[in-house]
Amino acid sequence: TFARSSCDASPQWSEEHRRVPAAMKFAVVAVLAAAVSVDVTGTLLRRKQTPDEVKLGMEYREKDSFGNTALAPACSKVECGEYSCPAPFELKTDGTCCGYCWAPDHVVAADRHRVVEYNATGFVVEQCDDAPSTCKGPGANVVRCFKPSCREGETASCGGGRCCPLCQAR
């Protein structure tokens, strides 16, 4: 703001306005310092590249000096070994580097099993009472026992340090 004295018609600068030229000088110096660190093309000055860095830059550049792509096709350096597809499979090469063996689902059934609830079939049985501690785990590595399908004259029995019952002659 301007402060006018009673005897002078010209404006007097307040203390705040006297500080503005100092701030402007600082801003000009900062801009000039930034300009010195930028070369003529507007890019930041960099250290000179080593010959290895230049070679890598040329090898992996995206475009050549004419604007054409300089990138090699994706499979150009892939070497495929010899392989054959057993019947009923056949070799497919659609969009892949080396191809793959393929057969339709109606010829080779796909594994479409589903996880069932624990003991949904009723064939899971308890471990033997004298089973070693290694059968109990640790964690999710617990041995799971299933009801053995014994022949006539055999019964499921434990013993001998086994985890699960085994069919034995009576």
Protein backbone atom coordinates (compact mmCIF):
# COMPACT_ATOMS: atom_id res chain seq x y z
CA THR A 1 0.00 0.00 0.00
CA PHE A 2 1.07 3.58 -0.56
CA ALA A 3 1.53 6.04 2.26
CA ARG A 4 1.27 9.74 1.37
CA SER A 5 2.72 12.46 3.45
CA SER A 6 0.77 15.66 3.86
CA CYS A 7 3.34 17.79 2.05
CA ASP A 8 4.32 15.44 -0.81
CA ALA A 9 2.02 14.30 -3.61
CA SER A 10 4.33 11.41 -4.73
CA PRO A 11 3.71 7.99 -3.23
CA GLN A 12 6.13 6.51 -0.67
CA TRP A 13 6.92 2.78 -0.78
CA SER A 14 5.99 0.81 2.31
CA GLU A 15 8.45 -1.62 3.94
CA GLU A 16 6.71 -4.55 2.26
CA HIS A 17 7.23 -3.08 -1.23
CA ARG A 18 10.91 -2.44 -0.56
CA ARG A 19 11.41 -6.19 -0.04
CA VAL A 20 9.88 -7.11 -3.43
CA PRO A 21 12.94 -6.11 -5.53
CA ALA A 22 15.16 -8.37 -3.38
CA ALA A 23 12.82 -11.34 -3.92
CA MET A 24 12.75 -10.63 -7.66
CA LYS A 25 16.55 -10.54 -7.80
CA PHE A 26 16.66 -13.94 -6.10
CA ALA A 27 14.13 -15.36 -8.60
CA VAL A 28 16.12 -14.03 -11.57
CA VAL A 29 19.34 -15.55 -10.19
CA ALA A 30 17.58 -18.91 -9.68
CA VAL A 31 16.22 -18.90 -13.25
CA LEU A 32 19.65 -18.04 -14.66
CA ALA A 33 21.28 -20.83 -12.63
CA ALA A 34 18.74 -23.30 -14.00
CA ALA A 35 19.34 -22.05 -17.54
CA VAL A 36 23.08 -22.61 -17.19
CA SER A 37 22.47 -26.27 -16.28
CA VAL A 38 20.40 -26.80 -19.46
CA ASP A 39 22.06 -26.93 -22.88
CA VAL A 40 20.82 -25.32 -26.11
CA THR A 41 18.35 -28.11 -26.98
CA GLY A 42 16.63 -27.83 -23.61
CA THR A 43 17.77 -31.16 -22.21
CA LEU A 44 19.69 -31.47 -19.01
CA LEU A 45 23.43 -31.81 -19.42
CA ARG A 46 24.56 -35.42 -19.03
CA ARG A 47 27.83 -37.16 -18.70
CA LYS A 48 29.22 -38.65 -21.88
CA GLN A 49 28.11 -42.23 -22.55
CA THR A 50 30.62 -45.05 -22.61
CA PRO A 51 31.01 -47.09 -25.83
CA ASP A 52 29.18 -50.00 -24.17
CA GLU A 53 26.25 -47.73 -23.29
CA VAL A 54 26.13 -46.42 -26.87
CA LYS A 55 26.15 -50.01 -28.22
CA LEU A 56 23.31 -51.02 -25.87
CA GLY A 57 21.35 -47.94 -26.88
CA MET A 58 21.73 -48.82 -30.55
CA GLU A 59 20.86 -52.48 -29.98
CA TYR A 60 17.69 -51.76 -28.02
CA ARG A 61 16.48 -48.59 -29.72
CA GLU A 62 12.85 -48.43 -30.70
CA LYS A 63 13.22 -46.75 -34.13
CA ASP A 64 16.03 -46.24 -36.63
CA SER A 65 17.06 -42.86 -38.08
CA PHE A 66 14.31 -43.12 -40.74
CA GLY A 67 11.52 -43.69 -38.20
CA ASN A 68 11.14 -47.39 -39.01
CA THR A 69 10.92 -49.85 -36.17
CA ALA A 70 14.29 -51.21 -35.11
CA LEU A 71 12.82 -53.84 -32.79
CA ALA A 72 13.33 -57.48 -33.74
CA PRO A 73 10.28 -59.75 -33.89
CA ALA A 74 9.53 -61.44 -30.56
CA CYS A 75 10.50 -64.95 -31.67
CA SER A 76 13.50 -64.02 -33.85
CA LYS A 77 16.08 -65.30 -31.35
CA VAL A 78 14.09 -68.28 -30.02
CA GLU A 79 15.46 -71.65 -31.11
CA CYS A 80 12.91 -74.45 -31.01
CA GLY A 81 14.05 -78.00 -30.45
CA GLU A 82 12.71 -81.02 -32.26
CA TYR A 83 9.51 -82.48 -30.91
CA SER A 84 6.57 -84.56 -32.02
CA CYS A 85 3.02 -84.80 -30.82
CA PRO A 86 1.70 -88.27 -29.96
CA ALA A 87 -1.69 -89.22 -31.38
CA PRO A 88 -4.36 -87.86 -31.04
CA PHE A 89 -2.51 -84.58 -30.47
CA GLU A 90 -1.44 -82.36 -33.36
CA LEU A 91 1.07 -79.54 -33.61
CA LYS A 92 -0.39 -76.02 -33.46
CA THR A 93 1.70 -72.93 -34.20
CA ASP A 94 -0.88 -70.16 -33.97
CA GLY A 95 0.85 -67.07 -32.58
CA THR A 96 3.48 -68.97 -30.59
CA CYS A 97 7.21 -69.16 -31.22
CA CYS A 98 7.57 -72.94 -31.24
CA GLY A 99 4.08 -74.35 -31.25
CA TYR A 100 2.38 -76.80 -28.91
CA CYS A 101 0.59 -80.13 -28.96
CA TRP A 102 -3.19 -79.80 -28.95
CA ALA A 103 -6.31 -81.97 -29.18
CA PRO A 104 -9.97 -81.00 -28.79
CA ASP A 105 -11.76 -81.77 -25.50
CA HIS A 106 -14.05 -84.36 -27.06
CA VAL A 107 -10.98 -86.37 -28.13
CA VAL A 108 -8.93 -85.97 -24.95
CA ALA A 109 -11.01 -85.27 -21.89
CA ALA A 110 -9.86 -82.29 -19.87
CA ASP A 111 -9.41 -82.70 -16.12
CA ARG A 112 -12.39 -80.86 -14.73
CA HIS A 113 -12.43 -82.34 -11.23
CA ARG A 114 -14.04 -80.46 -8.40
CA VAL A 115 -12.89 -80.22 -4.83
CA VAL A 116 -15.28 -82.03 -2.54
CA GLU A 117 -15.93 -81.53 1.12
CA TYR A 118 -13.71 -83.50 3.52
CA ASN A 119 -14.84 -87.15 3.69
CA ALA A 120 -17.84 -86.57 1.42
CA THR A 121 -17.41 -90.15 0.16
CA GLY A 122 -17.12 -91.68 3.65
CA PHE A 123 -13.89 -93.52 2.83
CA VAL A 124 -11.60 -91.47 5.12
CA VAL A 125 -10.67 -93.34 8.35
CA GLU A 126 -8.70 -92.38 11.42
CA GLN A 127 -4.99 -93.04 11.67
CA CYS A 128 -3.79 -96.01 13.70
CA ASP A 129 -3.59 -95.42 17.48
CA ASP A 130 0.11 -96.33 17.55
CA ALA A 131 0.94 -94.29 14.40
CA PRO A 132 4.31 -92.50 14.58
CA SER A 133 4.40 -88.75 15.19
CA THR A 134 5.52 -88.18 11.59
CA CYS A 135 2.00 -89.16 10.48
CA LYS A 136 0.45 -86.32 12.47
CA GLY A 137 1.95 -83.38 10.66
CA PRO A 138 3.27 -80.68 11.13
CA GLY A 139 0.64 -78.30 9.80
CA ALA A 140 -1.19 -79.32 6.62
CA ASN A 141 1.13 -82.31 6.02
CA VAL A 142 -1.04 -84.70 8.00
CA VAL A 143 -1.28 -88.22 6.55
CA ARG A 144 -4.84 -88.95 5.44
CA CYS A 145 -5.95 -92.57 5.68
CA PHE A 146 -8.63 -94.21 3.54
CA LYS A 147 -10.69 -97.32 4.20
CA PRO A 148 -8.83 -100.23 2.62
CA SER A 149 -10.74 -102.50 0.27
CA CYS A 150 -9.81 -105.90 1.67
CA ARG A 151 -10.27 -109.22 -0.12
CA GLU A 152 -12.26 -112.05 1.35
CA GLY A 153 -10.45 -113.51 4.34
CA GLU A 154 -8.54 -110.25 5.13
CA THR A 155 -9.25 -107.52 7.65
CA ALA A 156 -7.97 -103.98 8.08
CA SER A 157 -5.52 -103.79 10.97
CA CYS A 158 -2.89 -101.48 12.41
CA GLY A 159 0.54 -102.31 13.72
CA GLY A 160 4.16 -102.30 12.72
CA GLY A 161 4.48 -98.52 13.00
CA ARG A 162 2.11 -97.77 10.14
CA CYS A 163 0.09 -94.57 9.82
CA CYS A 164 -2.99 -96.21 8.31
CA PRO A 165 -4.77 -99.56 8.55
CA LEU A 166 -3.66 -102.21 6.09
CA CYS A 167 -5.35 -105.36 4.83
CA GLN A 168 -3.92 -108.51 6.41
CA ALA A 169 -4.90 -112.16 6.45
CA ARG A 170 -6.75 -113.14 9.63
